Amino acid sequence: MDIKSFIKTRWHKSTNTFSSLLLLSALLLFNGGNALAYQLDVKQIAATNMAQSHPANIILPDSYNQSDRRYPVLYLLHGHGGDYQNWVTETAVATLADQYNMIVVMPDGNTDKWYTDSPVNKQFRYRSYIAHDVVNYIDQHYRTIATAAGRGISGLSMGGYGALHIGLQHPELFGALGSTSGGVDPRDFAGKWGLNEVLGAPATQANNWQAAAIINQISTLKQHGQLLYLDCGSDDFFIEVNRQLHQALRTNNISHHYAEWPGSHNWDYWRESIQYQMVFFNQFFATHSKANN
């Protein structure tokens, strides 16, 4: 099933029951009745331009230790107030990684630094940390497909913003980008969630806020042809900024996958949305990388 058909299936779900998706999930997560296996590594990854190192969860599919093949990698970022463990403890992402034979890396981006290289605090270099330190570490220590065709990046909330921001700034590293419930336009949320500490005061450093908005960064998509996936719950406080980004992409004739589904800004929604993201990234890797050859 391709991503368009998969999203269409979700659109036709009842808003009052998740039974159809749960059935589909069961079909995806089990093959012939046999549960899938995986390996979970936890590594400390040093930061070149910051004093501290940070932990990361790394999921290896069961087949990793049974062959010498190379694997595509999905980098998956946590949200504000979260950490590197959230995706594993709250969702079935580990089983999905095994199902789709990809490595999934969940780095710690600090609780509220928005995955940027802050223009006002030189101690916050989280874009560079993820794009260079984490990616280099994973490529050096695991059998990865070390090209943009073999890498994707996504995340939820603050992590959705971070995935798009990092991916758009580094098209040479990431061929596919995703966001679920992403805080894609910080300008609408000044004074909240540590944004002022990262971008500066809106009144005196407005340029930082303008540059940070994903809607003002999308020209690179036309130039580099990265694939893009966005979704957001219809009751989410980030729904309007996601709609605005979607419309801007359409206006600029930039191909992308976009969906709004019933749900809010919580793990009930993200447990479902990760399944659609994984279909999207698996399709990208299967089409563009040599992972399945």
Protein backbone atom coordinates (compact mmCIF):
# COMPACT_ATOMS: atom_id res chain seq x y z
CA MET A 1 0.00 0.00 0.00
CA ASP A 2 1.46 3.39 -0.94
CA ILE A 3 1.31 6.50 1.25
CA LYS A 4 -1.57 8.13 -0.66
CA SER A 5 -3.76 5.05 -0.26
CA PHE A 6 -2.74 4.70 3.38
CA ILE A 7 -3.66 8.32 4.15
CA LYS A 8 -6.93 7.93 2.27
CA THR A 9 -7.79 4.96 4.49
CA ARG A 10 -7.36 7.17 7.56
CA TRP A 11 -9.50 9.96 6.09
CA HIS A 12 -12.45 7.56 5.82
CA LYS A 13 -12.22 6.42 9.44
CA SER A 14 -15.00 7.24 11.84
CA THR A 15 -14.07 10.04 14.23
CA ASN A 16 -15.54 7.96 17.06
CA THR A 17 -13.60 4.72 16.65
CA PHE A 18 -10.07 3.63 15.87
CA SER A 19 -11.01 0.04 15.07
CA SER A 20 -10.14 0.19 11.38
CA LEU A 21 -6.71 1.63 12.05
CA LEU A 22 -6.03 -0.87 14.80
CA LEU A 23 -6.84 -3.68 12.40
CA LEU A 24 -4.53 -2.16 9.79
CA SER A 25 -1.84 -1.72 12.44
CA ALA A 26 -2.08 -5.39 13.34
CA LEU A 27 -1.59 -6.32 9.70
CA LEU A 28 1.45 -4.07 9.49
CA LEU A 29 3.10 -5.15 12.72
CA PHE A 30 2.76 -8.89 12.32
CA ASN A 31 3.86 -11.12 9.50
CA GLY A 32 2.28 -14.56 9.37
CA GLY A 33 1.38 -14.32 13.06
CA ASN A 34 5.02 -13.99 14.15
CA ALA A 35 5.92 -11.01 16.33
CA LEU A 36 8.88 -9.01 15.11
CA ALA A 37 12.08 -8.43 17.05
CA TYR A 38 14.58 -5.59 17.28
CA GLN A 39 17.66 -4.40 19.16
CA LEU A 40 17.69 -1.17 21.19
CA ASP A 41 21.01 0.60 21.80
CA VAL A 42 21.47 3.63 24.04
CA LYS A 43 24.56 5.69 23.23
CA GLN A 44 26.05 8.93 24.50
CA ILE A 45 26.92 11.14 21.54
CA ALA A 46 29.37 13.98 22.09
CA ALA A 47 28.67 17.51 20.86
CA THR A 48 31.45 19.28 18.97
CA ASN A 49 30.23 22.81 19.64
CA MET A 50 28.62 22.33 23.06
CA ALA A 51 30.09 21.25 26.35
CA GLN A 52 27.85 18.27 27.01
CA SER A 53 27.08 14.98 25.29
CA HIS A 54 23.54 13.69 24.93
CA PRO A 55 21.99 10.21 24.93
CA ALA A 56 20.24 8.68 21.94
CA ASN A 57 18.05 5.62 21.49
CA ILE A 58 18.97 3.62 18.39
CA ILE A 59 16.67 0.90 17.08
CA LEU A 60 18.21 -1.81 14.91
CA PRO A 61 15.92 -4.20 13.05
CA ASP A 62 16.26 -7.88 13.85
CA SER A 63 17.87 -8.51 10.47
CA TYR A 64 20.74 -6.11 11.23
CA ASN A 65 22.85 -8.79 12.92
CA GLN A 66 21.94 -11.45 10.38
CA SER A 67 23.50 -9.87 7.30
CA ASP A 68 26.14 -7.38 6.18
CA ARG A 69 23.72 -5.16 4.29
CA ARG A 70 23.45 -1.41 4.84
CA TYR A 71 20.31 0.21 6.17
CA PRO A 72 18.45 3.49 5.72
CA VAL A 73 18.10 5.67 8.79
CA LEU A 74 15.17 7.68 10.12
CA TYR A 75 16.06 10.38 12.65
CA LEU A 76 13.08 10.93 14.94
CA LEU A 77 12.96 13.99 17.23
CA HIS A 78 11.06 14.39 20.48
CA GLY A 79 8.85 17.29 21.49
CA HIS A 80 9.12 20.14 23.99
CA GLY A 81 9.63 18.86 27.52
CA GLY A 82 10.43 15.39 26.22
CA ASP A 83 13.58 13.37 25.76
CA TYR A 84 15.19 10.63 23.69
CA GLN A 85 13.10 7.88 25.31
CA ASN A 86 9.62 9.17 24.47
CA TRP A 87 9.12 7.61 21.05
CA VAL A 88 10.12 4.16 22.29
CA THR A 89 8.15 4.21 25.52
CA GLU A 90 4.98 5.77 24.07
CA THR A 91 4.65 4.22 20.59
CA ALA A 92 5.28 1.06 18.57
CA VAL A 93 8.09 2.71 16.62
CA ALA A 94 10.58 -0.04 17.52
CA THR A 95 8.36 -2.76 16.07
CA LEU A 96 7.69 -0.59 13.03
CA ALA A 97 11.43 -0.12 12.48
CA ASP A 98 11.79 -3.89 12.47
CA GLN A 99 8.84 -4.31 10.13
CA TYR A 100 10.31 -1.88 7.61
CA ASN A 101 13.97 -2.86 8.05
CA MET A 102 15.30 0.57 8.88
CA ILE A 103 17.42 2.02 11.66
CA VAL A 104 15.62 4.63 13.77
CA VAL A 105 17.68 7.13 15.78
CA MET A 106 16.05 9.19 18.53
CA PRO A 107 18.57 11.77 19.80
CA ASP A 108 18.06 13.99 22.82
CA GLY A 109 17.66 17.61 21.71
CA ASN A 110 17.34 19.09 25.20
CA THR A 111 13.92 19.92 26.55
CA ASP A 112 13.29 23.34 24.99
CA LYS A 113 16.02 24.38 22.54
CA TRP A 114 13.99 23.85 19.35
CA TYR A 115 16.80 22.06 17.45
CA THR A 116 18.29 25.33 16.23
CA ASP A 117 21.67 27.03 16.28
CA SER A 118 20.49 29.94 18.38
CA PRO A 119 21.41 33.41 17.06
CA VAL A 120 21.34 34.80 20.60
CA ASN A 121 22.98 32.08 22.69
CA LYS A 122 26.09 30.40 21.31
CA GLN A 123 25.65 27.54 23.80
CA PHE A 124 22.62 26.29 21.88
CA ARG A 125 23.88 24.49 18.77
CA TYR A 126 21.34 21.75 18.37
CA ARG A 127 20.88 21.96 14.61
CA SER A 128 24.60 21.40 14.13
CA TYR A 129 24.60 18.73 16.81
CA ILE A 130 21.92 16.64 15.10
CA ALA A 131 23.04 17.27 11.52
CA HIS A 132 26.75 16.71 12.07
CA ASP A 133 27.62 15.07 15.39
CA VAL A 134 24.71 12.62 15.54
CA VAL A 135 24.64 11.77 11.84
CA ASN A 136 28.42 11.29 11.74
CA TYR A 137 28.35 9.09 14.83
CA ILE A 138 25.62 6.86 13.41
CA ASP A 139 27.37 6.54 10.03
CA GLN A 140 30.66 5.67 11.73
CA HIS A 141 29.26 3.09 14.14
CA TYR A 142 26.50 1.41 12.12
CA ARG A 143 26.05 0.03 8.62
CA THR A 144 24.06 2.88 7.16
CA ILE A 145 23.25 4.10 3.67
CA ALA A 146 25.21 7.31 4.17
CA THR A 147 23.52 9.46 1.53
CA ALA A 148 20.49 11.76 1.47
CA ALA A 149 18.59 8.97 -0.29
CA GLY A 150 19.19 6.78 2.76
CA ARG A 151 18.23 9.34 5.43
CA GLY A 152 14.96 10.81 6.63
CA ILE A 153 14.16 13.09 9.54
CA SER A 154 10.89 13.68 11.37
CA GLY A 155 9.49 14.55 14.77
CA LEU A 156 6.53 15.70 16.81
CA SER A 157 5.64 19.20 18.00
CA MET A 158 8.96 20.98 18.69
CA GLY A 159 10.60 17.97 17.04
CA GLY A 160 8.41 18.41 13.96
CA TYR A 161 9.68 21.96 13.68
CA GLY A 162 13.23 20.76 14.27
CA ALA A 163 13.00 18.04 11.63
CA LEU A 164 11.83 20.48 8.96
CA HIS A 165 14.31 23.16 10.02
CA ILE A 166 17.30 20.81 10.08
CA GLY A 167 16.23 18.99 6.92
CA LEU A 168 15.73 22.18 4.93
CA GLN A 169 19.07 23.54 6.10
CA HIS A 170 20.81 20.28 5.16
CA PRO A 171 19.39 18.88 1.92
CA GLU A 172 22.72 17.17 1.33
CA LEU A 173 21.97 14.96 4.35
CA PHE A 174 18.23 14.29 4.32
CA GLY A 175 16.19 13.32 1.29
CA ALA A 176 12.81 13.07 3.05
CA LEU A 177 11.34 15.24 5.81
CA GLY A 178 8.35 14.75 8.09
CA SER A 179 6.44 16.52 10.84
CA THR A 180 3.49 15.58 12.99
CA SER A 181 1.76 18.30 15.02
CA GLY A 182 4.73 20.52 14.25
CA GLY A 183 5.20 24.00 15.72
CA VAL A 184 6.16 25.12 12.25
CA ASP A 185 5.84 28.89 12.77
CA PRO A 186 7.36 30.18 16.04
CA ARG A 187 6.19 33.72 15.27
CA ASP A 188 2.68 32.85 16.48
CA PHE A 189 3.94 31.63 19.85
CA ALA A 190 6.33 34.27 21.17
CA GLY A 191 6.85 34.03 24.90
CA LYS A 192 6.04 30.32 25.04
CA TRP A 193 8.05 27.11 25.41
CA GLY A 194 11.48 28.74 25.66
CA LEU A 195 11.31 30.32 22.19
CA ASN A 196 12.42 33.77 23.37
CA GLU A 197 15.56 32.27 24.92
CA VAL A 198 16.39 30.63 21.59
CA LEU A 199 15.40 33.39 19.13
CA GLY A 200 15.64 36.54 21.24
CA ALA A 201 13.05 39.18 22.02
CA PRO A 202 10.52 39.51 19.16
CA ALA A 203 10.41 43.30 19.42
CA THR A 204 14.15 43.81 19.00
CA GLN A 205 15.21 40.68 17.09
CA ALA A 206 12.33 40.22 14.68
CA ASN A 207 14.65 39.04 11.91
CA ASN A 208 15.47 35.93 13.91
CA TRP A 209 11.79 35.06 14.17
CA GLN A 210 11.15 35.68 10.48
CA ALA A 211 14.08 33.47 9.50
CA ALA A 212 12.94 30.70 11.85
CA ALA A 213 9.48 30.26 10.30
CA ILE A 214 9.39 27.15 8.11
CA ILE A 215 7.09 28.94 5.68
CA ASN A 216 10.01 31.28 4.91
CA GLN A 217 12.43 28.39 4.29
CA ILE A 218 10.55 26.34 1.70
CA SER A 219 12.31 27.63 -1.42
CA THR A 220 14.98 24.98 -0.88
CA LEU A 221 12.41 22.23 -1.54
CA LYS A 222 12.06 23.28 -5.17
CA GLN A 223 15.80 23.44 -5.59
CA HIS A 224 16.67 20.11 -3.98
CA GLY A 225 13.54 18.02 -4.45
CA GLN A 226 13.26 16.66 -0.93
CA LEU A 227 10.06 14.73 -0.21
CA LEU A 228 7.81 16.13 2.50
CA TYR A 229 5.14 14.70 4.80
CA LEU A 230 2.99 16.78 7.20
CA ASP A 231 0.06 15.90 9.43
CA CYS A 232 -1.72 17.55 12.35
CA GLY A 233 -4.76 16.85 14.49
CA SER A 234 -7.83 18.91 13.72
CA ASP A 235 -8.11 19.94 17.41
CA ASP A 236 -4.40 20.73 17.81
CA PHE A 237 -3.32 24.25 18.77
CA PHE A 238 -0.77 24.04 15.92
CA ILE A 239 -3.40 23.27 13.26
CA GLU A 240 -3.59 26.80 11.79
CA VAL A 241 0.16 27.18 11.25
CA ASN A 242 0.22 23.76 9.60
CA ARG A 243 -2.65 24.76 7.33
CA GLN A 244 -0.83 27.94 6.40
CA LEU A 245 2.33 26.01 5.56
CA HIS A 246 0.32 23.51 3.51
CA GLN A 247 -1.29 26.34 1.55
CA ALA A 248 2.07 28.02 0.94
CA LEU A 249 3.45 24.77 -0.41
CA ARG A 250 0.46 24.43 -2.72
CA THR A 251 0.78 28.04 -3.89
CA ASN A 252 4.42 27.41 -4.76
CA ASN A 253 3.59 24.13 -6.51
CA ILE A 254 5.74 22.15 -4.09
CA SER A 255 4.69 18.52 -3.97
CA HIS A 256 4.03 17.18 -0.47
CA HIS A 257 1.82 14.83 1.54
CA TYR A 258 -0.52 16.59 3.97
CA ALA A 259 -3.27 15.26 6.22
CA GLU A 260 -5.53 16.52 8.98
CA TRP A 261 -7.05 13.84 11.18
CA PRO A 262 -9.27 13.88 14.27
CA GLY A 263 -7.09 14.37 17.32
CA SER A 264 -5.26 16.76 19.58
CA HIS A 265 -1.71 17.42 20.74
CA ASN A 266 -1.10 14.18 22.62
CA TRP A 267 0.26 10.66 22.46
CA ASP A 268 -3.07 9.20 21.43
CA TYR A 269 -2.66 11.08 18.17
CA TRP A 270 1.09 10.45 17.77
CA ARG A 271 0.77 6.71 18.34
CA GLU A 272 -1.33 6.61 15.21
CA SER A 273 0.48 9.19 13.12
CA ILE A 274 3.85 7.43 13.46
CA GLN A 275 2.39 4.50 11.52
CA TYR A 276 1.67 6.73 8.53
CA GLN A 277 5.04 8.39 8.76
CA MET A 278 6.74 5.01 8.67
CA VAL A 279 4.84 4.05 5.52
CA PHE A 280 5.96 7.33 3.94
CA PHE A 281 9.63 6.89 4.85
CA ASN A 282 9.66 3.21 3.92
CA GLN A 283 8.28 4.09 0.51
CA PHE A 284 10.91 6.80 0.11
CA PHE A 285 13.76 4.48 1.06
CA ALA A 286 12.50 1.65 -1.12
CA THR A 287 12.25 3.98 -4.12
CA HIS A 288 15.36 6.10 -3.70
CA SER A 289 17.98 4.11 -1.77
CA LYS A 290 19.52 0.72 -2.39
CA ALA A 291 18.35 -0.58 0.97
CA ASN A 292 16.21 -3.33 -0.46
CA ASN A 293 18.46 -4.46 -3.31
